[in-house]
């Protein structure tokens, strides 16, 4: 997949490297500001039990 992207980027090697860096940065920004904030309330990794005890049953 990466070879396909590299072959299809226009320009010489330095231009391709700069474009590849821009693509990686753009993907990171989209993940950081759009995908991760949308996903965080659905996953909730920080609501686990830390001390090893189980909560008392309700009722």
N, C-alpha and C. Protein backbone atom coordinates (compact mmCIF):
# COMPACT_ATOMS: atom_id res chain seq x y z
N UNK A 1 0.82 -1.18 0.00
CA UNK A 1 0.00 0.00 0.00
C UNK A 1 0.87 1.25 0.00
N UNK A 2 1.92 1.28 0.84
CA UNK A 2 2.77 2.46 0.89
C UNK A 2 3.55 2.63 -0.41
N UNK A 3 3.93 1.54 -1.02
CA UNK A 3 4.62 1.62 -2.31
C UNK A 3 3.69 2.19 -3.37
N UNK A 4 2.42 1.82 -3.33
CA UNK A 4 1.46 2.35 -4.29
C UNK A 4 1.30 3.86 -4.11
N UNK A 5 1.20 4.30 -2.84
CA UNK A 5 1.09 5.74 -2.57
C UNK A 5 2.34 6.46 -3.05
N UNK A 6 3.51 5.91 -2.76
CA UNK A 6 4.77 6.53 -3.16
C UNK A 6 4.87 6.63 -4.68
N UNK A 7 4.48 5.59 -5.38
CA UNK A 7 4.54 5.62 -6.85
C UNK A 7 3.58 6.63 -7.44
N UNK A 8 2.45 6.87 -6.80
CA UNK A 8 1.45 7.76 -7.37
C UNK A 8 1.59 9.22 -6.93
N UNK A 9 2.51 9.51 -6.04
CA UNK A 9 2.77 10.90 -5.69
C UNK A 9 3.55 11.57 -6.82
N UNK A 10 3.18 12.80 -7.17
CA UNK A 10 3.89 13.45 -8.27
C UNK A 10 5.22 14.05 -7.80
N UNK A 11 6.11 14.30 -8.76
CA UNK A 11 7.34 15.02 -8.49
C UNK A 11 8.54 14.13 -8.26
N UNK A 12 9.64 14.81 -7.94
CA UNK A 12 10.89 14.10 -7.68
C UNK A 12 10.88 13.56 -6.25
N UNK A 13 11.97 12.92 -5.86
CA UNK A 13 12.04 12.30 -4.54
C UNK A 13 11.84 13.29 -3.39
N UNK A 14 12.48 14.47 -3.40
CA UNK A 14 12.23 15.42 -2.29
C UNK A 14 10.78 15.92 -2.25
N UNK A 15 10.19 16.11 -3.42
CA UNK A 15 8.79 16.56 -3.46
C UNK A 15 7.88 15.46 -2.94
N UNK A 16 8.16 14.23 -3.33
CA UNK A 16 7.36 13.10 -2.82
C UNK A 16 7.49 12.96 -1.31
N UNK A 17 8.70 13.15 -0.80
CA UNK A 17 8.90 13.05 0.64
C UNK A 17 8.12 14.14 1.37
N UNK A 18 8.13 15.35 0.84
CA UNK A 18 7.38 16.44 1.46
C UNK A 18 5.88 16.17 1.39
N UNK A 19 5.39 15.69 0.27
CA UNK A 19 3.97 15.37 0.14
C UNK A 19 3.58 14.23 1.07
N UNK A 20 4.44 13.23 1.19
CA UNK A 20 4.16 12.12 2.11
C UNK A 20 4.09 12.62 3.55
N UNK A 21 4.98 13.53 3.92
CA UNK A 21 4.96 14.10 5.27
C UNK A 21 3.67 14.89 5.49
N UNK A 22 3.25 15.67 4.49
CA UNK A 22 2.00 16.42 4.60
C UNK A 22 0.82 15.47 4.76
N UNK A 23 0.81 14.37 4.02
CA UNK A 23 -0.28 13.40 4.13
C UNK A 23 -0.32 12.76 5.52
N UNK A 24 0.83 12.43 6.06
CA UNK A 24 0.89 11.84 7.40
C UNK A 24 0.42 12.84 8.45
N UNK A 25 0.85 14.09 8.33
CA UNK A 25 0.41 15.12 9.27
C UNK A 25 -1.10 15.37 9.16
N UNK A 26 -1.62 15.40 7.94
CA UNK A 26 -3.06 15.61 7.75
C UNK A 26 -3.86 14.46 8.37
N UNK A 27 -3.39 13.24 8.18
CA UNK A 27 -4.08 12.09 8.77
C UNK A 27 -4.03 12.16 10.30
N UNK A 28 -2.90 12.56 10.85
CA UNK A 28 -2.79 12.70 12.30
C UNK A 28 -3.71 13.78 12.85
N UNK A 29 -3.81 14.90 12.16
CA UNK A 29 -4.68 15.99 12.60
C UNK A 29 -6.14 15.56 12.55
N UNK A 30 -6.53 14.87 11.48
CA UNK A 30 -7.92 14.39 11.38
C UNK A 30 -8.22 13.42 12.50
N UNK A 31 -7.30 12.50 12.78
CA UNK A 31 -7.52 11.57 13.88
C UNK A 31 -7.60 12.28 15.22
N UNK A 32 -6.66 13.20 15.48
CA UNK A 32 -6.56 13.85 16.78
C UNK A 32 -7.76 14.75 17.08
N UNK A 33 -8.21 15.51 16.08
CA UNK A 33 -9.26 16.50 16.33
C UNK A 33 -10.66 16.05 15.96
N UNK A 34 -10.82 15.02 15.15
CA UNK A 34 -12.15 14.59 14.74
C UNK A 34 -12.51 13.18 15.22
N UNK A 35 -11.66 12.22 14.92
CA UNK A 35 -11.99 10.83 15.20
C UNK A 35 -11.88 10.50 16.69
N UNK A 36 -10.76 10.85 17.31
CA UNK A 36 -10.57 10.51 18.72
C UNK A 36 -11.58 11.19 19.64
N UNK A 37 -11.89 12.48 19.47
CA UNK A 37 -12.93 13.07 20.33
C UNK A 37 -14.30 12.43 20.13
N UNK A 38 -14.62 12.02 18.91
CA UNK A 38 -15.89 11.34 18.66
C UNK A 38 -15.90 9.96 19.30
N UNK A 39 -14.76 9.27 19.30
CA UNK A 39 -14.68 7.90 19.78
C UNK A 39 -14.55 7.81 21.30
N UNK A 40 -13.99 8.81 21.95
CA UNK A 40 -13.68 8.75 23.38
C UNK A 40 -14.89 8.46 24.26
N UNK A 41 -16.05 9.09 24.08
CA UNK A 41 -17.18 8.75 24.95
C UNK A 41 -17.70 7.34 24.75
N UNK A 42 -17.43 6.76 23.60
CA UNK A 42 -17.92 5.42 23.30
C UNK A 42 -17.03 4.33 23.90
N UNK A 43 -15.75 4.61 24.10
CA UNK A 43 -14.80 3.60 24.55
C UNK A 43 -14.62 3.65 26.06
N UNK A 44 -14.35 4.80 26.63
CA UNK A 44 -14.22 5.05 28.06
C UNK A 44 -13.23 4.09 28.74
N UNK A 45 -11.99 4.20 28.38
CA UNK A 45 -10.94 3.41 29.02
C UNK A 45 -10.69 3.85 30.45
N UNK A 46 -11.02 5.09 30.79
CA UNK A 46 -10.66 5.62 32.10
C UNK A 46 -11.70 5.31 33.18
N UNK A 47 -12.69 4.49 32.92
CA UNK A 47 -13.70 4.17 33.91
C UNK A 47 -13.52 2.77 34.48
N UNK A 48 -12.30 2.29 34.54
CA UNK A 48 -12.04 0.96 35.05
C UNK A 48 -11.82 0.97 36.55
N UNK A 49 -11.75 -0.22 37.11
CA UNK A 49 -11.49 -0.38 38.54
C UNK A 49 -9.99 -0.41 38.72
N UNK A 50 -9.48 0.42 39.62
CA UNK A 50 -8.04 0.52 39.80
C UNK A 50 -7.55 -0.28 40.99
N UNK A 51 -8.35 -0.35 42.07
CA UNK A 51 -7.88 -0.99 43.29
C UNK A 51 -8.12 -2.50 43.33
N UNK A 52 -8.77 -3.05 42.34
CA UNK A 52 -8.97 -4.49 42.28
C UNK A 52 -10.23 -4.99 42.94
N UNK A 53 -10.96 -4.14 43.61
CA UNK A 53 -12.19 -4.58 44.25
C UNK A 53 -13.37 -4.41 43.28
N UNK A 54 -14.36 -5.22 43.45
CA UNK A 54 -15.54 -5.10 42.60
C UNK A 54 -16.58 -4.26 43.30
N UNK A 55 -17.36 -3.51 42.56
CA UNK A 55 -18.38 -2.67 43.20
C UNK A 55 -19.49 -3.52 43.81
N UNK A 56 -20.12 -2.98 44.86
CA UNK A 56 -21.22 -3.68 45.53
C UNK A 56 -22.43 -3.71 44.62
N UNK A 57 -23.18 -4.80 44.63
CA UNK A 57 -24.37 -4.88 43.79
C UNK A 57 -25.43 -3.88 44.24
N UNK A 58 -26.13 -3.32 43.28
CA UNK A 58 -27.19 -2.36 43.59
C UNK A 58 -28.45 -3.11 43.97
N UNK A 59 -29.20 -2.52 44.85
CA UNK A 59 -30.49 -3.11 45.14
C UNK A 59 -30.71 -3.33 46.54
